[in-house]
Every structure is written in C-alpha cells, then in structure tokens.
Amino acid sequence: MLKNSPMYAYLPAQDVARARRFYEEKLGFQPQREVAGGVFYAFAAGTGGFLYQTPNAGTNDASQAFWQVEDVEREVAELRAKGVTFENYDMPGMRDGIVTHEGGKAAWFKDSEGNILALIQNG
C-alpha cells in the first residue's frame, strides 16, 4: 500500500542552475545526487525532494510542498535574513507573512522558479 511507502516532493525548475542556487544558498539544502539532469535532496525522517527541469515550473497557484517545522516565526526570520520573501494572502489571521489559526501557523514563499512552498507549524 502506498500509505506505507515514503513520499517525495517534485520541485520543478525552468532553470535548474538558478534553482539550485536558491535551494542550496538560501534554504541550505545539500545535494545528495544528480539524476537525469536533476538533483535529489534528502530531508528529515527519510523524506526528500527532486529538483528537475521543466517549462511548467511556477504554473501551479497552489502550494507545491511544505515543511513541518517547530517554530514558524524562527524559520521565517532566518529565511528572510537570507533574502527569502514571504507571501501575504487575504485571509483571517494573516500578519506579516504568517497566518495563525487554532490548528497552528503557516507561512508561504516562492522559490526562484515561482513555485509556492510552505512552512507549517502544528498548534
């Protein structure tokens, strides 16, 4: 069953070199291996993401992937210090790029390719 298998995020890029600079310099990702012109990154708990080239990067208006973090405010501050810009949406509880609700907190940003990524903190 799929529920017992690891799941990985695809990170589409129009320009893989540009996207690598964003992910590795701003987000601190460490490349694990290159595969078919793309790059695989490993994350906590055996999860990971694959950065690959496609002309369709940035065409999705929904979140592409999210990281579950312990402290959204701390992560946002650290990423802002590296030049990451957070999105502000017209939604209840949104303040300075972070939405707070009874279930936790969330913040969204776009990568160099226009993909929407999120940080999620459970309440």
N, C-alpha and C. Protein backbone atom coordinates (compact mmCIF):
# COMPACT_ATOMS: atom_id res chain seq x y z
N MET A 1 0.84 -1.19 0.00
CA MET A 1 0.00 0.00 0.00
C MET A 1 0.88 1.25 0.00
N LEU A 2 0.41 2.25 -0.67
CA LEU A 2 1.17 3.50 -0.75
C LEU A 2 1.35 4.17 0.59
N LYS A 3 0.39 4.01 1.50
CA LYS A 3 0.50 4.67 2.80
C LYS A 3 1.72 4.20 3.58
N ASN A 4 2.29 3.08 3.23
CA ASN A 4 3.47 2.54 3.90
C ASN A 4 4.77 2.86 3.17
N SER A 5 4.67 3.64 2.10
CA SER A 5 5.85 3.99 1.30
C SER A 5 6.22 5.45 1.49
N PRO A 6 7.51 5.78 1.43
CA PRO A 6 7.91 7.19 1.52
C PRO A 6 7.35 7.98 0.34
N MET A 7 7.09 9.26 0.58
CA MET A 7 6.60 10.14 -0.47
C MET A 7 7.58 11.30 -0.60
N TYR A 8 7.87 11.72 -1.82
CA TYR A 8 8.84 12.77 -2.09
C TYR A 8 8.20 13.88 -2.91
N ALA A 9 8.71 15.07 -2.76
CA ALA A 9 8.19 16.22 -3.50
C ALA A 9 8.98 16.41 -4.79
N TYR A 10 8.29 16.79 -5.85
CA TYR A 10 8.93 17.23 -7.07
C TYR A 10 9.05 18.74 -6.99
N LEU A 11 10.21 19.26 -7.36
CA LEU A 11 10.47 20.70 -7.34
C LEU A 11 10.81 21.10 -8.78
N PRO A 12 9.81 21.56 -9.55
CA PRO A 12 10.05 21.89 -10.95
C PRO A 12 10.84 23.18 -11.10
N ALA A 13 11.71 23.22 -12.11
CA ALA A 13 12.53 24.41 -12.38
C ALA A 13 12.65 24.64 -13.87
N GLN A 14 12.49 25.89 -14.28
CA GLN A 14 12.78 26.25 -15.66
C GLN A 14 14.28 26.33 -15.87
N ASP A 15 15.00 26.74 -14.83
CA ASP A 15 16.46 26.87 -14.87
C ASP A 15 17.02 26.16 -13.63
N VAL A 16 17.52 24.95 -13.82
CA VAL A 16 17.99 24.15 -12.69
C VAL A 16 19.16 24.82 -11.97
N ALA A 17 20.08 25.44 -12.70
CA ALA A 17 21.22 26.10 -12.06
C ALA A 17 20.75 27.23 -11.15
N ARG A 18 19.82 28.04 -11.62
CA ARG A 18 19.27 29.13 -10.81
C ARG A 18 18.55 28.57 -9.58
N ALA A 19 17.75 27.54 -9.80
CA ALA A 19 17.00 26.93 -8.69
C ALA A 19 17.95 26.31 -7.67
N ARG A 20 19.02 25.68 -8.14
CA ARG A 20 20.00 25.11 -7.21
C ARG A 20 20.59 26.20 -6.33
N ARG A 21 20.92 27.34 -6.91
CA ARG A 21 21.46 28.45 -6.09
C ARG A 21 20.46 28.85 -5.02
N PHE A 22 19.18 28.95 -5.38
CA PHE A 22 18.15 29.33 -4.41
C PHE A 22 18.08 28.29 -3.29
N TYR A 23 17.91 27.04 -3.66
CA TYR A 23 17.71 25.99 -2.66
C TYR A 23 18.97 25.75 -1.81
N GLU A 24 20.12 25.80 -2.41
CA GLU A 24 21.34 25.50 -1.68
C GLU A 24 21.87 26.70 -0.90
N GLU A 25 21.77 27.91 -1.47
CA GLU A 25 22.30 29.09 -0.78
C GLU A 25 21.30 29.71 0.20
N LYS A 26 20.04 29.79 -0.20
CA LYS A 26 19.05 30.43 0.68
C LYS A 26 18.41 29.47 1.66
N LEU A 27 18.13 28.24 1.23
CA LEU A 27 17.47 27.28 2.11
C LEU A 27 18.43 26.29 2.75
N GLY A 28 19.67 26.25 2.29
CA GLY A 28 20.67 25.40 2.91
C GLY A 28 20.60 23.93 2.53
N PHE A 29 19.96 23.60 1.44
CA PHE A 29 19.87 22.20 1.02
C PHE A 29 21.25 21.69 0.61
N GLN A 30 21.48 20.41 0.86
CA GLN A 30 22.71 19.74 0.44
C GLN A 30 22.34 18.71 -0.62
N PRO A 31 22.90 18.84 -1.84
CA PRO A 31 22.57 17.86 -2.88
C PRO A 31 23.07 16.48 -2.50
N GLN A 32 22.23 15.48 -2.70
CA GLN A 32 22.60 14.10 -2.40
C GLN A 32 23.16 13.40 -3.63
N ARG A 33 22.50 13.64 -4.77
CA ARG A 33 22.98 13.05 -6.02
C ARG A 33 22.28 13.73 -7.19
N GLU A 34 22.94 13.68 -8.33
CA GLU A 34 22.36 14.21 -9.56
C GLU A 34 21.82 13.04 -10.37
N VAL A 35 20.62 13.22 -10.89
CA VAL A 35 19.96 12.17 -11.66
C VAL A 35 19.28 12.80 -12.86
N ALA A 36 19.64 12.35 -14.06
CA ALA A 36 18.99 12.79 -15.30
C ALA A 36 18.87 14.31 -15.40
N GLY A 37 19.93 15.03 -15.03
CA GLY A 37 19.92 16.48 -15.13
C GLY A 37 19.25 17.18 -13.96
N GLY A 38 18.73 16.43 -13.02
CA GLY A 38 18.10 16.99 -11.84
C GLY A 38 18.93 16.69 -10.60
N VAL A 39 18.44 17.16 -9.46
CA VAL A 39 19.17 16.99 -8.21
C VAL A 39 18.22 16.47 -7.14
N PHE A 40 18.68 15.46 -6.42
CA PHE A 40 17.90 14.92 -5.31
C PHE A 40 18.44 15.49 -4.01
N TYR A 41 17.50 15.98 -3.15
CA TYR A 41 17.84 16.49 -1.82
C TYR A 41 17.14 15.61 -0.79
N ALA A 42 17.84 15.28 0.30
CA ALA A 42 17.25 14.49 1.38
C ALA A 42 16.89 15.42 2.53
N PHE A 43 15.76 15.11 3.17
CA PHE A 43 15.29 15.87 4.32
C PHE A 43 15.13 14.92 5.50
N ALA A 44 14.60 15.42 6.58
CA ALA A 44 14.41 14.64 7.80
C ALA A 44 13.46 13.46 7.59
N ALA A 45 13.59 12.50 8.46
CA ALA A 45 12.69 11.34 8.52
C ALA A 45 12.61 10.58 7.21
N GLY A 46 13.70 10.57 6.44
CA GLY A 46 13.73 9.80 5.21
C GLY A 46 12.98 10.41 4.05
N THR A 47 12.55 11.67 4.16
CA THR A 47 11.83 12.31 3.07
C THR A 47 12.83 13.03 2.16
N GLY A 48 12.34 13.54 1.04
CA GLY A 48 13.24 14.21 0.12
C GLY A 48 12.50 14.93 -0.98
N GLY A 49 13.26 15.56 -1.84
CA GLY A 49 12.69 16.27 -2.97
C GLY A 49 13.61 16.14 -4.17
N PHE A 50 13.03 16.19 -5.35
CA PHE A 50 13.78 16.09 -6.59
C PHE A 50 13.56 17.34 -7.41
N LEU A 51 14.63 18.09 -7.64
CA LEU A 51 14.62 19.29 -8.46
C LEU A 51 14.88 18.88 -9.90
N TYR A 52 13.98 19.24 -10.80
CA TYR A 52 14.13 18.81 -12.19
C TYR A 52 13.70 19.92 -13.14
N GLN A 53 14.19 19.86 -14.35
CA GLN A 53 13.90 20.89 -15.35
C GLN A 53 12.60 20.59 -16.08
N THR A 54 11.77 21.65 -16.22
CA THR A 54 10.53 21.57 -16.97
C THR A 54 10.08 22.98 -17.31
N PRO A 55 9.47 23.18 -18.46
CA PRO A 55 8.95 24.52 -18.78
C PRO A 55 7.70 24.86 -17.96
N ASN A 56 7.17 23.90 -17.21
CA ASN A 56 5.93 24.11 -16.46
C ASN A 56 6.17 24.62 -15.04
N ALA A 57 7.40 24.87 -14.65
CA ALA A 57 7.70 25.35 -13.30
C ALA A 57 6.97 26.66 -13.04
N GLY A 58 6.45 26.80 -11.83
CA GLY A 58 5.80 28.05 -11.42
C GLY A 58 4.40 28.25 -11.97
N THR A 59 3.82 27.24 -12.61
CA THR A 59 2.49 27.41 -13.20
C THR A 59 1.37 26.99 -12.25
N ASN A 60 1.71 26.42 -11.11
CA ASN A 60 0.71 25.98 -10.14
C ASN A 60 0.44 27.10 -9.14
N ASP A 61 -0.81 27.47 -8.94
CA ASP A 61 -1.16 28.52 -7.99
C ASP A 61 -1.40 27.97 -6.58
N ALA A 62 -1.14 26.70 -6.39
CA ALA A 62 -1.29 26.08 -5.07
C ALA A 62 0.09 25.72 -4.54
N SER A 63 0.16 25.41 -3.26
CA SER A 63 1.44 25.04 -2.66
C SER A 63 1.99 23.77 -3.31
N GLN A 64 3.27 23.80 -3.60
CA GLN A 64 3.95 22.68 -4.23
C GLN A 64 4.41 21.66 -3.19
N ALA A 65 4.84 22.16 -2.03
CA ALA A 65 5.35 21.30 -0.96
C ALA A 65 5.36 22.10 0.33
N PHE A 66 5.47 21.41 1.47
CA PHE A 66 5.62 22.13 2.74
C PHE A 66 6.56 21.38 3.65
N TRP A 67 7.13 22.15 4.57
CA TRP A 67 7.97 21.59 5.61
C TRP A 67 7.25 21.78 6.93
N GLN A 68 7.16 20.73 7.71
CA GLN A 68 6.57 20.82 9.04
C GLN A 68 7.70 21.22 9.98
N VAL A 69 7.55 22.39 10.60
CA VAL A 69 8.61 22.95 11.45
C VAL A 69 8.10 23.14 12.87
N GLU A 70 9.02 23.30 13.80
CA GLU A 70 8.65 23.50 15.20
C GLU A 70 8.29 24.95 15.50
N ASP A 71 8.91 25.91 14.78
CA ASP A 71 8.73 27.33 15.08
C ASP A 71 8.71 28.13 13.78
N VAL A 72 7.52 28.44 13.28
CA VAL A 72 7.39 29.16 12.02
C VAL A 72 8.06 30.52 12.10
N GLU A 73 7.86 31.25 13.19
CA GLU A 73 8.45 32.59 13.29
C GLU A 73 9.97 32.55 13.17
N ARG A 74 10.60 31.60 13.84
CA ARG A 74 12.06 31.47 13.76
C ARG A 74 12.51 31.15 12.34
N GLU A 75 11.83 30.21 11.69
CA GLU A 75 12.19 29.83 10.32
C GLU A 75 12.00 31.00 9.36
N VAL A 76 10.89 31.72 9.51
CA VAL A 76 10.63 32.89 8.65
C VAL A 76 11.73 33.93 8.84
N ALA A 77 12.10 34.21 10.08
CA ALA A 77 13.15 35.20 10.35
C ALA A 77 14.48 34.78 9.73
N GLU A 78 14.84 33.51 9.87
CA GLU A 78 16.09 33.03 9.31
C GLU A 78 16.09 33.09 7.79
N LEU A 79 14.98 32.72 7.17
CA LEU A 79 14.89 32.76 5.71
C LEU A 79 14.84 34.19 5.19
N ARG A 80 14.14 35.07 5.88
CA ARG A 80 14.13 36.48 5.47
C ARG A 80 15.54 37.06 5.50
N ALA A 81 16.33 36.68 6.51
CA ALA A 81 17.71 37.17 6.61
C ALA A 81 18.55 36.73 5.42
N LYS A 82 18.12 35.66 4.75
CA LYS A 82 18.83 35.17 3.57
C LYS A 82 18.20 35.68 2.27
N GLY A 83 17.21 36.56 2.39
CA GLY A 83 16.60 37.16 1.20
C GLY A 83 15.34 36.51 0.69
N VAL A 84 14.77 35.58 1.44
CA VAL A 84 13.52 34.94 1.01
C VAL A 84 12.36 35.88 1.35
N THR A 85 11.47 36.07 0.40
CA THR A 85 10.30 36.93 0.56
C THR A 85 9.07 36.07 0.81
N PHE A 86 8.32 36.41 1.84
CA PHE A 86 7.12 35.65 2.17
C PHE A 86 5.88 36.31 1.59
N GLU A 87 4.92 35.48 1.23
CA GLU A 87 3.68 35.94 0.61
C GLU A 87 2.72 36.44 1.70
N ASN A 88 1.89 37.41 1.33
CA ASN A 88 0.81 37.86 2.19
C ASN A 88 -0.49 37.61 1.45
N TYR A 89 -1.36 36.82 2.03
CA TYR A 89 -2.64 36.49 1.42
C TYR A 89 -3.76 37.15 2.22
N ASP A 90 -4.85 37.41 1.56
CA ASP A 90 -6.03 37.99 2.21
C ASP A 90 -6.80 36.87 2.89
N MET A 91 -6.39 36.57 4.11
CA MET A 91 -7.05 35.50 4.87
C MET A 91 -7.03 35.84 6.35
N PRO A 92 -8.01 35.37 7.09
CA PRO A 92 -8.07 35.65 8.53
C PRO A 92 -6.81 35.15 9.25
N GLY A 93 -6.31 35.94 10.17
CA GLY A 93 -5.16 35.55 10.97
C GLY A 93 -3.82 35.82 10.32
N MET A 94 -3.81 36.40 9.11
CA MET A 94 -2.55 36.66 8.40
C MET A 94 -1.95 37.97 8.90
N ARG A 95 -0.69 37.90 9.33
CA ARG A 95 0.02 39.11 9.77
C ARG A 95 1.50 38.95 9.43
N ASP A 96 2.02 39.88 8.68
CA ASP A 96 3.44 39.91 8.33
C ASP A 96 3.92 38.58 7.73
N GLY A 97 3.11 38.00 6.84
CA GLY A 97 3.51 36.79 6.14
C GLY A 97 3.24 35.49 6.87
N ILE A 98 2.69 35.56 8.07
CA ILE A 98 2.39 34.35 8.85
C ILE A 98 0.93 34.33 9.22
N VAL A 99 0.26 33.23 8.95
CA VAL A 99 -1.13 33.08 9.36
C VAL A 99 -1.16 32.23 10.63
N THR A 100 -1.95 32.69 11.60
CA THR A 100 -2.13 31.96 12.85
C THR A 100 -3.59 31.54 12.95
N HIS A 101 -3.81 30.30 13.28
CA HIS A 101 -5.16 29.78 13.46
C HIS A 101 -5.11 28.77 14.60
N GLU A 102 -6.25 28.30 15.01
CA GLU A 102 -6.28 27.41 16.18
C GLU A 102 -5.49 26.12 15.96
N GLY A 103 -5.30 25.71 14.73
CA GLY A 103 -4.55 24.50 14.44
C GLY A 103 -3.06 24.70 14.33
N GLY A 104 -2.59 25.95 14.35
CA GLY A 104 -1.16 26.20 14.25
C GLY A 104 -0.86 27.46 13.46
N LYS A 105 0.26 27.45 12.76
CA LYS A 105 0.73 28.61 11.99
C LYS A 105 1.25 28.13 10.65
N ALA A 106 1.24 29.05 9.68
CA ALA A 106 1.76 28.72 8.35
C ALA A 106 2.31 29.97 7.69
N ALA A 107 3.25 29.78 6.80
CA ALA A 107 3.82 30.87 6.00
C ALA A 107 4.18 30.30 4.63
N TRP A 108 4.04 31.13 3.59
CA TRP A 108 4.29 30.69 2.23
C TRP A 108 5.31 31.60 1.57
N PHE A 109 6.13 31.02 0.70
CA PHE A 109 7.08 31.79 -0.10
C PHE A 109 7.23 31.12 -1.46
N LYS A 110 7.76 31.88 -2.40
CA LYS A 110 8.02 31.33 -3.74
C LYS A 110 9.51 31.12 -3.91
N ASP A 111 9.85 30.05 -4.61
CA ASP A 111 11.25 29.82 -4.93
C ASP A 111 11.63 30.63 -6.17
N SER A 112 12.83 30.46 -6.65
CA SER A 112 13.31 31.22 -7.81
C SER A 112 12.54 30.91 -9.08
N GLU A 113 11.79 29.83 -9.09
CA GLU A 113 11.05 29.39 -10.27
C GLU A 113 9.57 29.73 -10.21
N GLY A 114 9.14 30.35 -9.11
CA GLY A 114 7.73 30.71 -8.95
C GLY A 114 6.88 29.65 -8.28
N ASN A 115 7.49 28.56 -7.80
CA ASN A 115 6.76 27.53 -7.08
C ASN A 115 6.43 28.02 -5.68
N ILE A 116 5.22 27.74 -5.20
CA ILE A 116 4.80 28.15 -3.86
C ILE A 116 5.14 27.03 -2.89
N LEU A 117 5.89 27.39 -1.85
CA LEU A 117 6.31 26.45 -0.82
C LEU A 117 5.84 26.96 0.53
N ALA A 118 5.66 26.08 1.49
CA ALA A 118 5.08 26.48 2.77
C ALA A 118 5.86 25.93 3.95
N LEU A 119 5.72 26.65 5.06
CA LEU A 119 6.19 26.20 6.37
C LEU A 119 4.96 26.02 7.22
N ILE A 120 4.82 24.90 7.90
CA ILE A 120 3.65 24.60 8.70
C ILE A 120 4.09 24.26 10.12
N GLN A 121 3.42 24.87 11.10
CA GLN A 121 3.65 24.55 12.49
C GLN A 121 2.33 24.10 13.09
N ASN A 122 2.29 22.89 13.60
CA ASN A 122 1.06 22.40 14.23
C ASN A 122 0.87 23.06 15.57
N GLY A 123 -0.40 23.33 15.92
CA GLY A 123 -0.75 24.01 17.17
C GLY A 123 -0.60 23.12 18.31
